[in-house]
Structure formats: C-alpha cells, structure tokens
Protein backbone atom coordinates (compact mmCIF):
# COMPACT_ATOMS: atom_id res chain seq x y z
CA MET A 1 238.09 13.66 101.29
CA HIS A 2 240.21 16.80 101.13
CA TYR A 3 237.94 19.79 100.47
CA ILE A 4 240.22 22.00 98.40
CA ARG A 5 237.63 24.54 97.26
CA SER A 6 235.72 24.68 100.55
CA GLN A 7 238.82 25.69 102.50
CA ARG A 8 238.61 29.15 101.02
CA TYR A 9 235.15 29.63 102.58
CA ASP A 10 236.10 28.76 106.15
CA THR A 11 235.51 32.35 107.29
CA PRO A 12 232.96 33.97 109.65
CA GLN A 13 231.29 35.49 106.58
CA PHE A 14 230.15 31.98 105.66
CA THR A 15 230.28 29.89 108.83
CA GLU A 16 227.94 32.19 110.75
CA LYS A 17 225.24 31.44 108.16
CA MET A 18 225.52 27.64 108.46
CA MET A 19 222.60 25.94 110.17
CA GLY A 20 223.81 22.33 110.16
CA PRO A 21 226.48 20.20 108.47
CA ASN A 22 228.81 22.31 106.32
CA PRO A 23 226.77 22.81 103.12
CA ILE A 24 229.76 24.11 101.17
CA LYS A 25 231.65 20.85 101.72
CA LEU A 26 228.53 18.91 100.73
CA THR A 27 228.23 20.98 97.57
CA GLU A 28 231.87 20.48 96.67
CA GLU A 29 231.43 16.73 97.10
CA LEU A 30 228.36 16.78 94.86
CA MET A 31 230.34 18.64 92.22
CA LEU A 32 233.15 16.07 92.13
CA GLU A 33 231.31 14.46 89.23
CA ASN A 34 230.06 17.74 87.79
CA ARG A 35 228.87 17.46 84.17
CA THR A 36 227.35 20.93 83.98
CA PRO A 37 229.47 23.51 82.10
CA LYS A 38 230.45 27.00 83.12
CA GLY A 39 227.74 29.53 82.27
CA ALA A 40 224.92 27.02 82.78
CA VAL A 41 221.68 28.17 84.43
CA VAL A 42 221.40 26.41 87.78
CA CYS A 43 218.66 26.37 90.43
CA ASP A 44 219.93 26.17 94.01
CA LEU A 45 216.72 24.78 95.48
CA GLY A 46 216.28 25.45 99.18
CA SER A 47 219.27 27.78 99.16
CA GLY A 48 218.71 29.20 102.64
CA GLN A 49 220.92 32.22 103.25
CA GLY A 50 222.68 31.77 99.94
CA ILE A 51 226.10 30.43 100.86
CA THR A 52 225.87 27.43 98.52
CA SER A 53 224.61 29.72 95.76
CA ALA A 54 227.62 32.01 96.15
CA PHE A 55 229.92 28.98 96.15
CA LEU A 56 228.38 27.59 92.93
CA ALA A 57 228.60 30.92 91.15
CA GLN A 58 232.16 31.71 92.22
CA GLU A 59 233.73 28.26 91.92
CA TYR A 60 231.94 26.84 88.88
CA GLY A 61 230.87 29.94 86.97
CA PHE A 62 227.17 29.04 86.93
CA GLN A 63 224.34 31.53 86.65
CA VAL A 64 222.59 30.66 89.90
CA TYR A 65 219.01 31.26 90.96
CA ALA A 66 219.01 31.03 94.76
CA CYS A 67 215.48 29.77 95.43
CA ASP A 68 214.16 29.60 98.97
CA LEU A 69 210.75 30.05 100.57
CA TRP A 70 211.87 31.32 103.96
CA SER A 71 214.88 33.55 103.33
CA ASP A 72 214.71 37.25 102.46
CA PRO A 73 215.85 37.91 98.86
CA ALA A 74 216.97 41.42 99.79
CA GLU A 75 219.21 40.08 102.57
CA ASN A 76 220.62 37.44 100.24
CA GLN A 77 221.26 40.07 97.57
CA ALA A 78 223.20 42.16 100.07
CA PHE A 79 225.26 39.09 100.91
CA PHE A 80 225.88 38.33 97.21
CA ASP A 81 226.95 41.90 96.52
CA GLN A 82 230.00 41.33 98.71
CA PHE A 83 231.53 39.08 96.07
CA GLY A 84 231.46 41.55 93.20
CA LEU A 85 229.64 39.20 90.85
CA PRO A 86 227.18 40.63 88.31
CA HIS A 87 223.59 40.69 89.56
CA GLU A 88 222.54 38.56 86.58
CA GLN A 89 224.90 35.76 87.68
CA LEU A 90 223.56 35.36 91.22
CA ILE A 91 219.83 35.93 91.57
CA PRO A 92 217.88 35.50 94.85
CA VAL A 93 214.29 34.34 94.41
CA LYS A 94 211.57 33.80 97.01
CA ALA A 95 210.00 30.61 95.70
CA ASP A 96 208.03 27.59 96.88
CA ALA A 97 209.47 24.30 95.60
CA LEU A 98 205.90 23.16 94.98
CA ASN A 99 205.15 26.13 92.71
CA LEU A 100 208.32 27.35 91.00
CA PRO A 101 207.94 30.63 89.05
CA PHE A 102 209.98 29.71 85.97
CA GLU A 103 209.41 28.85 82.32
CA PRO A 104 209.50 25.16 81.30
CA ALA A 105 212.99 23.73 80.66
CA PHE A 106 214.56 26.84 82.19
CA PHE A 107 217.42 25.18 84.09
CA ASP A 108 220.45 23.20 82.96
CA ALA A 109 220.75 21.72 86.45
CA VAL A 110 219.25 21.75 89.94
CA VAL A 111 221.34 21.58 93.10
CA SER A 112 219.66 20.92 96.45
CA VAL A 113 221.69 20.60 99.63
CA ASP A 114 219.95 19.41 102.80
CA SER A 115 216.55 20.50 101.49
CA TYR A 116 215.20 17.89 99.11
CA ASN A 117 214.04 15.68 101.98
CA TYR A 118 211.39 18.28 102.90
CA PHE A 119 209.52 18.12 99.60
CA GLY A 120 210.94 15.14 97.67
CA ARG A 121 209.20 12.49 99.77
CA ASP A 122 206.07 13.04 97.68
CA PRO A 123 206.47 10.48 94.84
CA ASN A 124 204.87 12.96 92.44
CA PHE A 125 207.09 15.92 93.31
CA LEU A 126 210.04 15.16 91.05
CA GLY A 127 208.04 14.41 87.93
CA GLN A 128 205.32 17.02 88.33
CA LYS A 129 206.87 19.89 90.29
CA LEU A 130 210.58 19.93 89.42
CA LEU A 131 211.45 18.13 86.17
CA PRO A 132 209.24 20.37 83.99
CA TYR A 133 211.68 23.21 84.73
CA VAL A 134 214.80 21.19 83.84
CA LYS A 135 216.08 20.71 80.31
CA PRO A 136 215.77 17.12 78.99
CA ASP A 137 219.56 16.66 79.17
CA GLY A 138 219.90 18.48 82.50
CA TYR A 139 221.32 17.21 85.78
CA LEU A 140 220.09 16.94 89.36
CA TYR A 141 222.53 17.08 92.29
CA PHE A 142 220.98 16.22 95.67
CA ALA A 143 222.67 15.99 99.07
CA ILE A 144 220.16 14.59 101.55
CA PRO A 145 220.61 13.97 105.30
CA GLY A 146 219.66 10.45 106.17
CA MET A 147 220.28 7.12 107.80
CA LYS A 148 222.69 4.35 106.93
CA GLN A 149 219.68 2.02 106.96
CA ASP A 150 216.02 2.83 107.55
CA CYS A 151 214.75 1.88 111.00
CA HIS A 152 211.37 3.62 111.07
CA ASP A 153 209.53 0.41 111.95
CA HIS A 154 211.69 -0.01 115.06
CA LEU A 155 213.06 3.38 116.08
CA PRO A 156 215.89 3.01 118.63
CA PRO A 157 215.09 4.72 121.94
CA GLU A 158 218.42 6.57 121.69
CA LEU A 159 217.16 8.42 118.60
CA LEU A 160 213.93 9.32 120.34
CA LEU A 161 215.84 11.15 123.04
CA SER A 162 216.50 13.95 120.53
CA TRP A 163 213.96 13.41 117.75
CA THR A 164 210.26 12.75 117.44
CA PRO A 165 209.03 10.07 114.99
CA GLU A 166 207.58 12.90 112.88
CA GLN A 167 210.99 14.60 112.64
CA LEU A 168 212.71 11.33 111.78
CA GLU A 169 210.30 10.80 108.91
CA TYR A 170 212.32 13.39 106.99
CA MET A 171 215.36 11.09 107.10
CA HIS A 172 215.72 7.88 105.14
CA ASP A 173 218.49 5.73 103.74
CA ALA A 174 219.95 5.78 100.23
CA ALA A 175 217.78 2.84 99.18
CA TYR A 176 214.64 4.82 99.98
CA TRP A 177 215.75 7.78 97.89
CA GLN A 178 216.90 5.64 94.99
CA HIS A 179 213.47 4.04 94.97
CA MET A 180 211.66 7.38 95.17
CA ILE A 181 213.65 8.84 92.29
CA SER A 182 213.29 5.72 90.15
CA LEU A 183 209.51 6.08 90.26
CA THR A 184 209.78 9.10 87.94
CA ASP A 185 209.94 8.56 84.19
CA GLY A 186 212.69 10.31 82.27
CA ILE A 187 215.32 10.02 85.01
CA GLU A 188 218.63 8.25 84.46
CA ILE A 189 220.32 7.66 87.80
CA LEU A 190 224.08 8.20 87.69
CA SER A 191 226.93 7.58 90.17
CA VAL A 192 225.21 4.71 91.97
CA ALA A 193 227.75 1.98 91.28
CA GLU A 194 230.42 4.16 92.88
CA LYS A 195 228.77 3.46 96.23
CA LEU A 196 230.17 -0.07 96.03
CA LYS A 197 233.58 1.47 96.72
CA CYS A 198 232.24 3.23 99.80
CA ASN A 199 229.98 0.61 101.35
CA THR A 200 231.86 -1.80 103.58
CA ARG A 201 231.11 -5.43 104.37
CA HIS A 202 231.22 -7.28 107.68
CA CYS A 203 234.53 -8.90 106.63
CA TYR A 204 238.05 -7.57 107.17
CA THR A 205 241.15 -7.49 105.00
CA SER A 206 244.50 -8.92 106.14
CA SER A 207 245.53 -5.40 107.22
CA GLY A 208 242.61 -5.25 109.65
CA ARG A 209 240.33 -2.77 107.87
CA ARG A 210 236.79 -3.35 106.65
CA GLU A 211 236.56 -4.68 103.10
CA SER A 212 234.47 -2.69 100.60
CA VAL A 213 231.82 -4.34 98.45
CA ALA A 214 233.81 -3.38 95.33
CA GLU A 215 236.94 -5.11 96.69
CA HIS A 216 234.94 -8.23 97.47
CA SER A 217 233.43 -8.33 93.97
CA TRP A 218 236.82 -7.79 92.32
CA ARG A 219 238.44 -10.52 94.44
CA ILE A 220 235.95 -13.23 93.60
CA SER A 221 236.01 -12.17 89.92
CA LEU A 222 239.79 -12.64 89.95
CA MET A 223 239.37 -16.03 91.62
CA ALA A 224 236.90 -17.09 88.91
CA MET A 225 239.34 -16.05 86.18
CA LEU A 226 242.18 -18.04 87.79
CA LEU A 227 239.98 -21.15 87.98
CA THR A 228 239.06 -21.08 84.28
CA LYS A 229 241.29 -24.05 83.36
CA GLU A 230 239.98 -26.08 86.30
CA PHE A 231 236.42 -25.98 84.95
CA PRO A 232 236.67 -26.12 81.13
CA GLU A 233 233.01 -27.05 80.84
CA ALA A 234 231.84 -23.86 82.59
CA ASP A 235 231.05 -20.58 80.85
CA MET A 236 233.59 -18.62 82.89
CA ASP A 237 232.89 -15.39 81.04
CA LYS A 238 229.36 -15.58 82.40
CA VAL A 239 230.64 -16.56 85.85
CA ILE A 240 232.97 -13.54 85.97
CA ARG A 241 230.15 -11.22 84.91
CA MET A 242 227.98 -12.69 87.65
CA CYS A 243 230.78 -12.11 90.17
CA LEU A 244 231.08 -8.48 89.12
CA ILE A 245 227.40 -7.64 89.52
CA HIS A 246 226.16 -10.08 92.16
CA ASP A 247 226.31 -7.49 94.96
CA MET A 248 225.15 -4.42 93.01
CA GLY A 249 222.12 -4.21 95.28
CA GLU A 250 224.44 -3.38 98.18
CA ALA A 251 225.10 0.00 96.56
CA PHE A 252 221.60 0.85 97.79
CA THR A 253 221.11 -1.19 100.95
CA GLY A 254 224.64 -1.66 102.26
CA ASP A 255 225.95 -5.08 103.24
CA ILE A 256 223.68 -7.30 105.31
CA PRO A 257 225.51 -10.51 106.28
CA THR A 258 223.86 -13.71 105.06
CA PHE A 259 223.40 -14.94 108.61
CA GLU A 260 221.38 -11.78 109.41
CA LYS A 261 219.58 -11.22 106.09
CA THR A 262 215.83 -11.93 106.09
CA ASN A 263 213.53 -12.69 103.17
CA ALA A 264 212.21 -9.14 103.49
CA ASP A 265 215.77 -7.78 103.15
CA THR A 266 216.29 -9.86 100.02
CA ARG A 267 213.04 -8.70 98.45
CA LYS A 268 213.85 -5.06 99.23
CA GLU A 269 217.33 -5.33 97.69
CA ASP A 270 215.98 -7.09 94.59
CA ASP A 271 213.18 -4.56 94.10
CA ILE A 272 215.45 -1.53 94.44
CA LEU A 273 218.08 -2.99 92.12
CA LEU A 274 215.46 -3.85 89.50
CA ASN A 275 214.02 -0.33 89.68
CA TRP A 276 217.50 1.08 89.10
CA VAL A 277 218.23 -1.28 86.19
CA ASN A 278 214.98 -0.19 84.55
CA THR A 279 216.25 3.42 84.49
CA LEU A 280 219.28 2.47 82.39
CA PRO A 281 219.26 3.14 78.63
CA GLY A 282 218.72 0.24 76.22
C-alpha cells in the first residue's frame, strides 16, 4: 500500500512520539473504507501522545476526543496547538476505557490503534463499556497487533525468547477478534470478505506467486459456469454460489491445507463463520 496521507507526517515532530509500528500508517489504512463524514465526533481510544488524533482531525476533519489513561492532557494540548486547529476540534481527555466520561450515544465513531487488545479481550467490554457511547449508526475502526494464527496452546520457543506467555496473551489472530466482536449484540461486522483478497493459499499461480483465496474461489466459479452444458441435470446456479462462498471461513482463519486441517480446525472455522453470518441483516 502507498501511504499518501501518512507521508506528510514523516517528520521528527511525529516520529519521535511513536512507540511501535507507525500508528499514522495504520490509521490511514483503517480509513481507506471510511464511512464517517467530516465534522463527525470521533473518540480516539487509547490515543497515547495524540499523533493519531492530530492526523484524524487534520486529514478527515473530525472533531476528535483524544482519550488516554496514561498520557498528560496538558502535554497533548501543547502538541495539538502546533497545528493551529480550534481547541474544540481536538480535545485531549484523561479517561479510562472501562469508565468513559461521556454522555450516551456521544460519538459518531471510535478509532483505536494498537490499544483495543488491552481492554477488548473482556467479552463484555464492547457491549457494556464502549457501545453505549456510540450512536446506533456509528462505526468502530480497530487496528490490533496480533498473530497470523493463534498458537497459545503451543507457543514456539522462538517467541518466548522475547515475550512471556502473559505478554503474548494480548495478541491473537483475526479469527479470535472476529469471534469476540460477534458476541456483542447490535454489531454488524463490515469489511471481512475483503480479507479473502489478502489471505493466500498454499498453492501457486503459473507466474510463481501465492494464490489468494478470492482468486481460488473465482477460478472454480468460472469452471463451474463453463461446465453448465456438461451437467444439464445439475443446479449450476447453486453450484456457482457454493463455489463463491465455500471458503468464506478462510477470511478469518487463513488457509489451512486439507492435508493439514484437523477436525478442531474445521469446527473453529465453521463456528467463526456462523457467528459472522448471524451478525448480517435479514
């Protein structure tokens, strides 16, 4: 991905405040599918030293409440003042995610970059501690550090050279987070199917690159369509639909080759996919 907006923030003023992966790039990536309009009231939850808050206010025109438990609001305000934005557009708040000091349905959206994993692992957090402050038609944008696939039952010794099991408990795969979020009523999960374009399979294309799950599903759907006349007795419309959705579960779990997939893997994929389907309208 080419980070067009983030390039403008590659300055010491911002980079010296970064404490891990570039949060501005992560925020720009989250906002690729932004559905929240300019002027909306947005909570930057776990905003740290405020660089993502400044980015959201400047680039998208949001009114941003920079909420963080550990940062100093006065220091963040001094940082925000450098951008010449009105004080009412960029507001630092010392706040605990478990006890937010706002009125119900206050926010149009919540953005959380590299923070949600600290408090969102409680299955009750989203429904009881966060959603009450979000409007019914609001949006949640979360960027969460994690694993390609959970391995907490068999932690590789290489990971344990740098991390303790307790520290690794903060990191999970996309399937874990999809499941956690789906436990909360009133949530419609968006942008999940897109992962099929990103997740690769164990197979390769003729050019030598890994095939994506989406490419695989499209290819066998095309094959089914071309075979329609060969099997006039078959309901090929149904077959094509089955081809299109048969690997939807891999949006959550990634591709596990058949020769490696266990019954436990199959049950996990089925359960996560069913939980996601149940969040869809109608």
